[in-house]
Amino acid sequence: MASIGHIAVGCLAARLESSAAISTRTLAARMVAYSTLSLLPDLDVWAFEAGIPYEVSTATEN
């Protein structure tokens, strides 16, 4: 359910950042972009559900 909150925050951020003079299409694109960015904190949960353990590191070790 936290993802719904993240999407709402992304839509609100787009509304607050945009002026009244922009088109509906531009506002919708900004809402999608900000909502996508706001979902990034949930990637660890989605990865865990996909079978990727938390211990897996994305950094290369030398």
Protein backbone atom coordinates (compact mmCIF):
# COMPACT_ATOMS: atom_id res chain seq x y z
CA MET A 1 0.00 0.00 0.00
CA ALA A 2 2.97 2.32 0.43
CA SER A 3 3.34 2.38 -3.35
CA ILE A 4 -0.01 4.14 -3.65
CA GLY A 5 1.27 6.82 -1.31
CA HIS A 6 4.44 7.20 -3.36
CA ILE A 7 2.38 7.66 -6.53
CA ALA A 8 0.22 10.28 -4.81
CA VAL A 9 3.33 12.16 -3.69
CA GLY A 10 4.69 12.07 -7.25
CA CYS A 11 1.43 13.47 -8.64
CA LEU A 12 1.34 16.18 -5.99
CA ALA A 13 4.95 17.13 -6.69
CA ALA A 14 4.16 17.49 -10.39
CA ARG A 15 1.15 19.69 -9.60
CA LEU A 16 3.14 21.92 -7.25
CA GLU A 17 6.08 22.22 -9.63
CA SER A 18 3.97 23.01 -12.70
CA SER A 19 2.42 26.32 -13.55
CA ALA A 20 -1.20 26.71 -14.64
CA ALA A 21 -0.07 27.54 -18.18
CA ILE A 22 1.15 24.05 -19.11
CA SER A 23 -0.88 21.60 -21.15
CA THR A 24 -2.66 18.60 -19.69
CA ARG A 25 -0.34 16.30 -21.62
CA THR A 26 2.75 17.94 -20.11
CA LEU A 27 1.28 17.74 -16.62
CA ALA A 28 0.44 14.06 -17.12
CA ALA A 29 3.98 13.36 -18.34
CA ARG A 30 5.41 15.09 -15.27
CA MET A 31 3.08 13.13 -13.01
CA VAL A 32 4.26 9.86 -14.53
CA ALA A 33 7.91 10.91 -14.24
CA TYR A 34 7.66 12.05 -10.61
CA SER A 35 5.58 9.02 -9.65
CA THR A 36 8.18 6.74 -11.22
CA LEU A 37 10.94 8.47 -9.27
CA SER A 38 8.95 8.26 -6.06
CA LEU A 39 8.62 4.48 -6.48
CA LEU A 40 12.39 3.94 -6.41
CA PRO A 41 12.41 3.27 -2.63
CA ASP A 42 10.17 0.25 -3.31
CA LEU A 43 12.66 -1.43 -5.66
CA ASP A 44 14.21 -3.42 -2.83
CA VAL A 45 10.83 -4.94 -1.97
CA TRP A 46 10.11 -5.82 -5.58
CA ALA A 47 13.57 -7.34 -5.98
CA PHE A 48 13.11 -9.41 -2.82
CA GLU A 49 9.76 -10.72 -4.11
CA ALA A 50 11.49 -11.62 -7.39
CA GLY A 51 13.89 -13.85 -5.46
CA ILE A 52 16.88 -11.52 -5.21
CA PRO A 53 18.14 -11.59 -1.61
CA TYR A 54 19.05 -8.41 0.24
CA GLU A 55 22.66 -9.60 0.54
CA VAL A 56 23.30 -9.33 -3.22
CA SER A 57 25.52 -6.36 -3.91
CA THR A 58 25.45 -4.39 -7.14
CA ALA A 59 28.99 -3.10 -6.56
CA THR A 60 31.88 -4.94 -8.13
CA GLU A 61 34.47 -6.26 -5.77
CA ASN A 62 38.16 -6.23 -6.70
